[in-house]
C-alpha cells in the first residue's frame, strides 16, 4: 500500500480506502458461497485496514501528499528494507 499511496493526496487516499472497503465487502459476500473467495478475505481486510491507517496518519499529521518517510508508524528499517518484514514472516 505504501508504494501505491506515495504521492497521493488525502482525497485520493480516502477514495482508495473506500474502494478497499468495498472490495472487502464484496469478497466477504462472495465468500459465503465460494471457498476461493474466502481465501482472499484476510488479504482484502488487511488492505482496507492499511488504507484507513494511512488516511488517519495523513489527517492527523496534515500531510498534503503521502510520503512513507513521514509516516510515524514506519520504521527506518522498513523504509530501507521494505520486503524484510514479509521475508521474516513478521
C-alpha atoms as a PDB file:
ATOM      1  CA  UNK A   1       0.000   0.000   0.000  1.00  0.00           C
ATOM      2  CA  UNK A   2       2.783   2.442   0.853  1.00  0.00           C
ATOM      3  CA  UNK A   3       4.192   2.293  -2.648  1.00  0.00           C
ATOM      4  CA  UNK A   4       0.759   2.889  -4.156  1.00  0.00           C
ATOM      5  CA  UNK A   5      -0.035   5.661  -1.673  1.00  0.00           C
ATOM      6  CA  UNK A   6       3.204   7.583  -2.172  1.00  0.00           C
ATOM      7  CA  UNK A   7       2.432  10.991  -3.632  1.00  0.00           C
ATOM      8  CA  UNK A   8      -1.335  10.627  -3.250  1.00  0.00           C
ATOM      9  CA  UNK A   9      -3.454  13.429  -1.792  1.00  0.00           C
ATOM     10  CA  UNK A  10      -5.735  12.948   1.226  1.00  0.00           C
ATOM     11  CA  UNK A  11      -8.734  12.859  -1.114  1.00  0.00           C
ATOM     12  CA  UNK A  12      -7.171  10.143  -3.262  1.00  0.00           C
ATOM     13  CA  UNK A  13      -6.235   8.165  -0.139  1.00  0.00           C
ATOM     14  CA  UNK A  14      -9.826   8.393   1.130  1.00  0.00           C
ATOM     15  CA  UNK A  15     -11.082   7.205  -2.241  1.00  0.00           C
ATOM     16  CA  UNK A  16      -8.645   4.262  -2.211  1.00  0.00           C
ATOM     17  CA  UNK A  17      -9.740   3.402   1.342  1.00  0.00           C
ATOM     18  CA  UNK A  18     -13.395   3.427   0.286  1.00  0.00           C
ATOM     19  CA  UNK A  19     -12.585   1.207  -2.704  1.00  0.00           C
ATOM     20  CA  UNK A  20     -10.676  -1.192  -0.437  1.00  0.00           C
ATOM     21  CA  UNK A  21     -13.667  -1.296   1.918  1.00  0.00           C
ATOM     22  CA  UNK A  22     -15.988  -2.082  -0.974  1.00  0.00           C
ATOM     23  CA  UNK A  23     -13.618  -4.810  -2.185  1.00  0.00           C
ATOM     24  CA  UNK A  24     -13.557  -6.317   1.305  1.00  0.00           C
ATOM     25  CA  UNK A  25     -17.370  -6.291   1.494  1.00  0.00           C
ATOM     26  CA  UNK A  26     -17.691  -7.773  -1.976  1.00  0.00           C
ATOM     27  CA  UNK A  27     -15.222 -10.544  -1.169  1.00  0.00           C
ATOM     28  CA  UNK A  28     -16.989 -11.267   2.124  1.00  0.00           C
ATOM     29  CA  UNK A  29     -20.271 -11.641   0.265  1.00  0.00           C
ATOM     30  CA  UNK A  30     -18.775 -13.996  -2.285  1.00  0.00           C
ATOM     31  CA  UNK A  31     -17.018 -15.958   0.479  1.00  0.00           C
ATOM     32  CA  UNK A  32     -20.393 -17.119   1.786  1.00  0.00           C
ATOM     33  CA  UNK A  33     -20.769 -19.374  -1.247  1.00  0.00           C
ATOM     34  CA  UNK A  34     -17.265 -19.653  -2.647  1.00  0.00           C
ATOM     35  CA  UNK A  35     -14.264 -21.135  -0.853  1.00  0.00           C
ATOM     36  CA  UNK A  36     -11.821 -19.469  -3.257  1.00  0.00           C
ATOM     37  CA  UNK A  37     -13.190 -16.032  -2.352  1.00  0.00           C
ATOM     38  CA  UNK A  38     -12.913 -16.911   1.338  1.00  0.00           C
ATOM     39  CA  UNK A  39      -9.155 -17.360   0.912  1.00  0.00           C
ATOM     40  CA  UNK A  40      -8.821 -13.747  -0.277  1.00  0.00           C
ATOM     41  CA  UNK A  41     -10.878 -12.197   2.519  1.00  0.00           C
ATOM     42  CA  UNK A  42      -7.989 -11.779   5.022  1.00  0.00           C
ATOM     43  CA  UNK A  43      -5.918 -10.040   2.327  1.00  0.00           C
ATOM     44  CA  UNK A  44      -8.761  -7.673   1.490  1.00  0.00           C
ATOM     45  CA  UNK A  45      -9.220  -6.891   5.197  1.00  0.00           C
ATOM     46  CA  UNK A  46      -5.538  -6.046   5.648  1.00  0.00           C
ATOM     47  CA  UNK A  47      -5.546  -3.864   2.537  1.00  0.00           C
ATOM     48  CA  UNK A  48      -8.585  -1.970   3.780  1.00  0.00           C
ATOM     49  CA  UNK A  49      -7.073  -1.506   7.252  1.00  0.00           C
ATOM     50  CA  UNK A  50      -3.800  -0.216   5.803  1.00  0.00           C
ATOM     51  CA  UNK A  51      -5.546   2.342   3.589  1.00  0.00           C
ATOM     52  CA  UNK A  52      -7.538   3.535   6.618  1.00  0.00           C
ATOM     53  CA  UNK A  53      -4.330   3.718   8.693  1.00  0.00           C
ATOM     54  CA  UNK A  54      -2.645   5.835   6.014  1.00  0.00           C
ATOM     55  CA  UNK A  55      -5.759   8.012   5.815  1.00  0.00           C
ATOM     56  CA  UNK A  56      -5.632   8.585   9.580  1.00  0.00           C
ATOM     57  CA  UNK A  57      -1.901   9.357   9.539  1.00  0.00           C
ATOM     58  CA  UNK A  58      -2.430  11.932   6.810  1.00  0.00           C
ATOM     59  CA  UNK A  59      -5.330  13.559   8.633  1.00  0.00           C
ATOM     60  CA  UNK A  60      -3.529  13.694  11.972  1.00  0.00           C
ATOM     61  CA  UNK A  61      -0.231  14.923  10.542  1.00  0.00           C
ATOM     62  CA  UNK A  62      -1.686  17.314   7.973  1.00  0.00           C
ATOM     63  CA  UNK A  63       0.266  15.739   5.098  1.00  0.00           C
ATOM     64  CA  UNK A  64      -0.666  17.172   1.704  1.00  0.00           C
ATOM     65  CA  UNK A  65       0.706  14.120  -0.097  1.00  0.00           C
ATOM     66  CA  UNK A  66       1.624  10.773   1.403  1.00  0.00           C
ATOM     67  CA  UNK A  67       5.315  10.079   1.928  1.00  0.00           C
ATOM     68  CA  UNK A  68       6.351   6.882   3.754  1.00  0.00           C
ATOM     69  CA  UNK A  69       9.372   8.636   5.242  1.00  0.00           C
ATOM     70  CA  UNK A  70       6.985  10.994   7.083  1.00  0.00           C
ATOM     71  CA  UNK A  71       4.775   8.168   8.357  1.00  0.00           C
ATOM     72  CA  UNK A  72       5.417   7.862  12.116  1.00  0.00           C
ATOM     73  CA  UNK A  73       4.382   4.199  12.136  1.00  0.00           C
ATOM     74  CA  UNK A  74       7.018   3.114   9.630  1.00  0.00           C
ATOM     75  CA  UNK A  75      10.453   2.362  10.982  1.00  0.00           C
ATOM     76  CA  UNK A  76      13.675   3.391   9.290  1.00  0.00           C
ATOM     77  CA  UNK A  77      14.453  -0.299   8.785  1.00  0.00           C
ATOM     78  CA  UNK A  78      11.172  -0.801   6.930  1.00  0.00           C
ATOM     79  CA  UNK A  79      11.972   2.152   4.684  1.00  0.00           C
ATOM     80  CA  UNK A  80      15.391   0.734   3.856  1.00  0.00           C
ATOM     81  CA  UNK A  81      14.227  -2.898   3.578  1.00  0.00           C
ATOM     82  CA  UNK A  82      10.511  -2.825   2.651  1.00  0.00           C
ATOM     83  CA  UNK A  83      10.368  -6.569   1.941  1.00  0.00           C
ATOM     84  CA  UNK A  84      12.275  -7.634   5.055  1.00  0.00           C
ATOM     85  CA  UNK A  85       9.140  -7.675   7.199  1.00  0.00           C
ATOM     86  CA  UNK A  86       7.489 -10.077   4.758  1.00  0.00           C
ATOM     87  CA  UNK A  87      10.589 -12.241   4.400  1.00  0.00           C
ATOM     88  CA  UNK A  88      10.991 -12.536   8.170  1.00  0.00           C
ATOM     89  CA  UNK A  89       7.343 -13.536   8.461  1.00  0.00           C
ATOM     90  CA  UNK A  90       6.535 -10.694  10.832  1.00  0.00           C
END
